[in-house]
N, C-alpha and C. Protein backbone atom coordinates (compact mmCIF):
# COMPACT_ATOMS: atom_id res chain seq x y z
N MET A 1 11.39 -9.96 -8.77
CA MET A 1 10.55 -8.86 -8.22
C MET A 1 10.65 -8.83 -6.68
N MET A 2 11.33 -9.81 -6.08
CA MET A 2 11.47 -9.93 -4.61
C MET A 2 12.02 -8.56 -4.10
N VAL A 3 13.09 -8.03 -4.73
CA VAL A 3 13.78 -6.81 -4.40
C VAL A 3 12.76 -5.64 -4.41
N GLU A 4 12.01 -5.48 -5.41
CA GLU A 4 10.99 -4.47 -5.64
C GLU A 4 10.03 -4.59 -4.57
N ARG A 5 9.47 -5.76 -4.24
CA ARG A 5 8.54 -5.83 -3.22
C ARG A 5 9.13 -5.37 -1.77
N MET A 6 10.29 -5.72 -1.61
CA MET A 6 10.92 -5.30 -0.38
C MET A 6 11.15 -3.78 -0.27
N LYS A 7 11.51 -3.17 -1.43
CA LYS A 7 11.60 -1.61 -1.49
C LYS A 7 10.28 -0.94 -1.17
N VAL A 8 9.14 -1.56 -1.78
CA VAL A 8 7.93 -0.94 -1.44
C VAL A 8 7.47 -1.18 -0.07
N ALA A 9 7.78 -2.31 0.56
CA ALA A 9 7.45 -2.46 1.95
C ALA A 9 8.20 -1.53 2.75
N LYS A 10 9.59 -1.32 2.45
CA LYS A 10 10.32 -0.33 3.25
C LYS A 10 9.82 1.13 3.13
N LEU A 11 9.38 1.38 1.97
CA LEU A 11 8.68 2.82 1.87
C LEU A 11 7.53 2.92 2.88
N LEU A 12 6.70 1.87 2.93
CA LEU A 12 5.64 1.92 3.81
C LEU A 12 6.10 1.92 5.26
N TRP A 13 6.99 1.07 5.59
CA TRP A 13 7.49 0.98 6.95
C TRP A 13 8.09 2.29 7.43
N ASP A 14 8.86 3.04 6.46
CA ASP A 14 9.49 4.21 6.85
C ASP A 14 8.42 5.27 7.11
N ALA A 15 7.16 5.17 6.53
CA ALA A 15 6.16 6.12 6.70
C ALA A 15 5.17 5.67 7.89
N ASN A 16 5.63 4.64 8.61
CA ASN A 16 4.94 4.07 9.83
C ASN A 16 3.61 3.49 9.35
N ILE A 17 3.59 2.92 8.24
CA ILE A 17 2.39 2.16 7.76
C ILE A 17 2.67 0.68 7.76
N SER A 18 1.81 -0.01 8.41
CA SER A 18 1.94 -1.57 8.42
C SER A 18 1.92 -2.15 7.06
N ALA A 19 2.92 -3.03 6.84
CA ALA A 19 2.92 -3.63 5.51
C ALA A 19 3.64 -5.02 5.62
N GLU A 20 3.27 -5.84 4.70
CA GLU A 20 4.07 -7.07 4.63
C GLU A 20 4.17 -7.42 3.16
N TYR A 21 4.98 -8.26 2.84
CA TYR A 21 5.17 -8.64 1.42
C TYR A 21 5.25 -10.27 1.36
N ASN A 22 4.86 -10.83 0.18
CA ASN A 22 4.93 -12.19 0.00
C ASN A 22 6.41 -12.56 -0.42
N GLN A 23 6.89 -13.50 0.18
CA GLN A 23 8.27 -14.00 -0.02
C GLN A 23 8.36 -15.09 -1.01
N GLN A 24 7.30 -15.46 -1.70
CA GLN A 24 7.31 -16.44 -2.69
C GLN A 24 7.98 -15.83 -4.04
N ASP A 25 8.61 -16.73 -4.81
CA ASP A 25 9.21 -16.27 -6.00
C ASP A 25 8.15 -15.69 -6.93
N ASN A 26 7.05 -16.41 -7.12
CA ASN A 26 6.11 -15.91 -8.20
C ASN A 26 4.61 -15.99 -7.60
N PRO A 27 4.28 -15.12 -6.69
CA PRO A 27 2.94 -15.28 -6.04
C PRO A 27 1.87 -15.00 -7.07
N LYS A 28 0.74 -15.54 -6.95
CA LYS A 28 -0.42 -15.36 -7.80
C LYS A 28 -1.42 -14.34 -7.19
N LEU A 29 -1.68 -13.36 -7.97
CA LEU A 29 -2.46 -12.19 -7.46
C LEU A 29 -3.82 -12.72 -6.89
N LYS A 30 -4.53 -13.67 -7.58
CA LYS A 30 -5.72 -13.90 -7.10
C LYS A 30 -5.70 -14.65 -5.81
N TYR A 31 -4.66 -15.32 -5.37
CA TYR A 31 -4.50 -15.87 -4.06
C TYR A 31 -4.14 -14.82 -3.06
N GLU A 32 -3.35 -13.87 -3.42
CA GLU A 32 -2.95 -12.66 -2.65
C GLU A 32 -4.22 -11.89 -2.22
N ILE A 33 -5.15 -11.62 -3.20
CA ILE A 33 -6.38 -10.86 -3.01
C ILE A 33 -7.26 -11.75 -2.01
N ALA A 34 -7.37 -13.03 -2.22
CA ALA A 34 -8.17 -13.83 -1.40
C ALA A 34 -7.69 -13.94 -0.03
N ASN A 35 -6.34 -14.00 0.18
CA ASN A 35 -5.70 -13.93 1.63
C ASN A 35 -6.05 -12.78 2.20
N ALA A 36 -5.84 -11.63 1.44
CA ALA A 36 -6.14 -10.16 2.05
C ALA A 36 -7.57 -10.11 2.46
N LEU A 37 -8.53 -10.59 1.75
CA LEU A 37 -9.98 -10.48 1.93
C LEU A 37 -10.27 -11.35 3.26
N ASP A 38 -9.74 -12.46 3.22
CA ASP A 38 -9.92 -13.39 4.44
C ASP A 38 -9.46 -12.75 5.78
N ARG A 39 -8.36 -11.97 5.69
CA ARG A 39 -7.81 -11.31 6.77
C ARG A 39 -8.28 -9.84 7.02
N ASN A 40 -9.41 -9.50 6.30
CA ASN A 40 -9.86 -8.09 6.43
C ASN A 40 -8.89 -7.00 6.13
N ILE A 41 -7.91 -7.17 5.19
CA ILE A 41 -6.90 -6.20 4.79
C ILE A 41 -7.62 -5.45 3.70
N PRO A 42 -7.76 -4.09 3.84
CA PRO A 42 -8.50 -3.30 2.86
C PRO A 42 -7.76 -2.98 1.60
N PHE A 43 -6.36 -2.90 1.61
CA PHE A 43 -5.65 -2.58 0.50
C PHE A 43 -4.54 -3.47 0.18
N ILE A 44 -4.21 -3.67 -1.12
CA ILE A 44 -3.01 -4.31 -1.32
C ILE A 44 -2.20 -3.51 -2.43
N VAL A 45 -0.97 -3.53 -2.47
CA VAL A 45 -0.05 -2.78 -3.32
C VAL A 45 0.46 -3.77 -4.23
N VAL A 46 0.50 -3.56 -5.47
CA VAL A 46 1.01 -4.46 -6.50
C VAL A 46 2.09 -3.86 -7.29
N ILE A 47 3.23 -4.42 -7.47
CA ILE A 47 4.17 -4.16 -8.27
C ILE A 47 4.64 -5.08 -9.31
N GLY A 48 4.54 -4.90 -10.53
CA GLY A 48 5.02 -5.86 -11.56
C GLY A 48 6.17 -5.22 -12.37
N GLU A 49 6.70 -5.91 -13.28
CA GLU A 49 7.92 -5.46 -14.08
C GLU A 49 7.56 -4.05 -14.70
N ASP A 50 6.48 -3.84 -15.25
CA ASP A 50 6.07 -2.56 -15.89
C ASP A 50 6.07 -1.41 -14.82
N GLU A 51 5.30 -1.58 -13.78
CA GLU A 51 5.45 -0.68 -12.70
C GLU A 51 6.72 -0.36 -12.15
N ALA A 52 7.64 -1.43 -12.00
CA ALA A 52 8.85 -1.17 -11.37
C ALA A 52 9.84 -0.32 -12.29
N LYS A 53 9.64 -0.59 -13.74
CA LYS A 53 10.34 0.25 -14.60
C LYS A 53 10.12 1.76 -14.63
N GLU A 54 8.77 1.90 -14.28
CA GLU A 54 8.28 3.32 -14.22
C GLU A 54 8.32 3.99 -12.85
N GLN A 55 8.73 3.27 -11.83
CA GLN A 55 8.72 3.51 -10.38
C GLN A 55 7.27 3.88 -9.99
N LYS A 56 6.33 3.04 -10.36
CA LYS A 56 4.87 3.13 -9.87
C LYS A 56 4.49 1.87 -9.24
N VAL A 57 3.36 1.93 -8.55
CA VAL A 57 2.74 0.79 -7.92
C VAL A 57 1.17 0.87 -8.19
N LYS A 58 0.50 -0.13 -8.09
CA LYS A 58 -0.96 -0.08 -8.08
C LYS A 58 -1.56 -0.36 -6.81
N ILE A 59 -2.49 0.40 -6.38
CA ILE A 59 -3.15 0.35 -4.99
C ILE A 59 -4.51 -0.30 -5.28
N LYS A 60 -4.74 -1.47 -4.83
CA LYS A 60 -6.11 -2.01 -5.01
C LYS A 60 -6.93 -1.88 -3.67
N ASP A 61 -8.01 -1.13 -3.84
CA ASP A 61 -8.92 -1.05 -2.73
C ASP A 61 -9.90 -2.17 -2.73
N LEU A 62 -9.75 -3.18 -1.82
CA LEU A 62 -10.49 -4.33 -1.97
C LEU A 62 -11.93 -4.12 -1.48
N ASN A 63 -12.21 -3.13 -0.63
CA ASN A 63 -13.69 -2.81 -0.24
C ASN A 63 -14.31 -2.22 -1.38
N ALA A 64 -13.85 -1.18 -2.04
CA ALA A 64 -14.38 -0.40 -3.14
C ALA A 64 -14.27 -0.98 -4.46
N ARG A 65 -13.31 -2.12 -4.47
CA ARG A 65 -13.13 -2.77 -5.68
C ARG A 65 -12.59 -1.68 -6.77
N THR A 66 -11.61 -0.98 -6.43
CA THR A 66 -10.98 -0.02 -7.34
C THR A 66 -9.55 -0.33 -7.43
N GLU A 67 -8.91 0.36 -8.31
CA GLU A 67 -7.59 0.33 -8.44
C GLU A 67 -6.91 1.66 -8.96
N GLU A 68 -5.85 1.97 -8.54
CA GLU A 68 -5.17 3.30 -8.83
C GLU A 68 -3.67 3.13 -8.96
N THR A 69 -3.15 3.71 -9.96
CA THR A 69 -1.67 3.67 -10.13
C THR A 69 -1.06 4.99 -9.63
N VAL A 70 -0.06 4.82 -8.80
CA VAL A 70 0.56 6.04 -8.23
C VAL A 70 2.09 5.92 -8.34
N ASN A 71 2.92 6.92 -8.20
CA ASN A 71 4.21 6.89 -8.12
C ASN A 71 4.64 6.32 -6.75
N GLN A 72 5.70 5.51 -6.78
CA GLN A 72 6.17 4.93 -5.37
C GLN A 72 6.40 5.96 -4.42
N SER A 73 6.86 7.09 -4.89
CA SER A 73 7.18 8.23 -3.84
C SER A 73 5.89 8.80 -3.24
N ASP A 74 4.70 8.55 -3.93
CA ASP A 74 3.48 9.11 -3.44
C ASP A 74 2.72 7.97 -2.83
N LEU A 75 3.09 6.79 -2.60
CA LEU A 75 2.41 5.71 -2.12
C LEU A 75 1.87 5.99 -0.78
N ALA A 76 2.76 6.36 0.19
CA ALA A 76 2.20 6.53 1.57
C ALA A 76 1.17 7.57 1.62
N ALA A 77 1.41 8.72 1.07
CA ALA A 77 0.30 9.74 0.89
C ALA A 77 -0.97 9.33 0.36
N ALA A 78 -0.83 8.58 -0.66
CA ALA A 78 -2.09 8.18 -1.38
C ALA A 78 -2.78 7.07 -0.48
N LEU A 79 -2.12 6.42 0.32
CA LEU A 79 -2.87 5.40 1.27
C LEU A 79 -3.47 6.12 2.46
N ARG A 80 -2.72 7.22 2.78
CA ARG A 80 -3.22 8.08 3.93
C ARG A 80 -4.51 8.79 3.55
N THR A 81 -4.70 9.26 2.24
CA THR A 81 -5.79 9.85 1.70
C THR A 81 -7.03 8.94 1.68
N LYS A 82 -6.67 7.61 1.74
CA LYS A 82 -7.72 6.60 1.66
C LYS A 82 -8.16 6.18 3.06
N GLY A 83 -7.57 6.71 4.09
CA GLY A 83 -7.88 6.46 5.51
C GLY A 83 -6.92 5.51 6.23
N VAL A 84 -5.69 5.18 5.55
CA VAL A 84 -4.69 4.32 6.31
C VAL A 84 -4.12 5.24 7.35
N ILE A 85 -4.07 4.88 8.59
CA ILE A 85 -3.63 5.56 9.64
C ILE A 85 -2.14 4.92 10.03
N PRO A 86 -1.07 5.75 10.18
CA PRO A 86 0.24 5.46 10.58
C PRO A 86 0.14 4.62 11.86
N VAL A 87 0.98 3.65 12.01
CA VAL A 87 1.02 2.71 13.14
C VAL A 87 1.89 3.42 14.30
N GLY A 88 1.52 3.28 15.53
CA GLY A 88 2.31 3.78 16.60
C GLY A 88 2.25 5.21 16.88
N CYS A 89 1.25 5.81 16.45
CA CYS A 89 1.05 7.37 16.62
C CYS A 89 -0.21 7.55 17.30
N GLU A 90 -0.25 8.02 18.52
CA GLU A 90 -1.54 8.20 19.22
C GLU A 90 -2.28 9.23 18.65
N PHE A 91 -1.63 10.17 17.85
CA PHE A 91 -2.51 11.23 17.32
C PHE A 91 -2.56 11.03 15.71
N ALA A 92 -2.43 9.84 15.32
CA ALA A 92 -2.57 9.48 13.81
C ALA A 92 -3.86 9.97 13.21
N ALA A 93 -4.91 9.78 13.83
CA ALA A 93 -6.30 10.29 13.26
C ALA A 93 -6.26 11.75 13.11
N GLU A 94 -5.66 12.55 14.06
CA GLU A 94 -5.64 13.92 14.02
C GLU A 94 -4.73 14.33 12.85
N ILE A 95 -3.54 13.80 12.62
CA ILE A 95 -2.70 14.01 11.60
C ILE A 95 -3.35 13.76 10.31
N LEU A 96 -3.97 12.65 10.20
CA LEU A 96 -4.88 12.35 8.92
C LEU A 96 -5.76 13.37 8.68
N ALA A 97 -6.52 13.78 9.52
CA ALA A 97 -7.62 14.75 9.39
C ALA A 97 -6.96 16.19 9.00
N SER A 98 -5.80 16.55 9.49
CA SER A 98 -5.33 17.87 9.13
C SER A 98 -4.69 17.72 7.74
N GLU A 99 -4.16 16.48 7.38
CA GLU A 99 -3.68 16.41 5.97
C GLU A 99 -4.80 16.50 4.99
N ARG A 100 -5.92 16.05 5.28
CA ARG A 100 -7.12 16.08 4.43
C ARG A 100 -7.55 17.54 4.27
N VAL A 101 -7.44 18.39 5.31
CA VAL A 101 -7.93 19.69 5.31
C VAL A 101 -6.95 20.51 4.59
N ASN A 102 -5.63 20.24 4.76
CA ASN A 102 -4.68 21.06 4.05
C ASN A 102 -4.38 20.72 2.61
N ASN A 103 -5.01 19.57 2.16
CA ASN A 103 -4.97 19.34 0.67
C ASN A 103 -6.11 19.63 0.04
């Protein structure tokens, strides 16, 4: 699943969304969630074999304790609707607000 995790990270990087992925062969989800909570990371994206086959991912909102499955192609947009702001863009908040108005 390393290649799949790298593909998802690249999707986010290409959309200027800060992301990292675990480089362990078989990371345990409960430890990943605990690590994210310790670091105040509000969302994690999970991809398993089933999701990879369907070109989907799960977005876990750690603050709201919710989970949503989306197409990989819609991942960046889905995170933006949840308030994730692109990195390195001084007008990111304005872009996000205009996307919400237009949707």
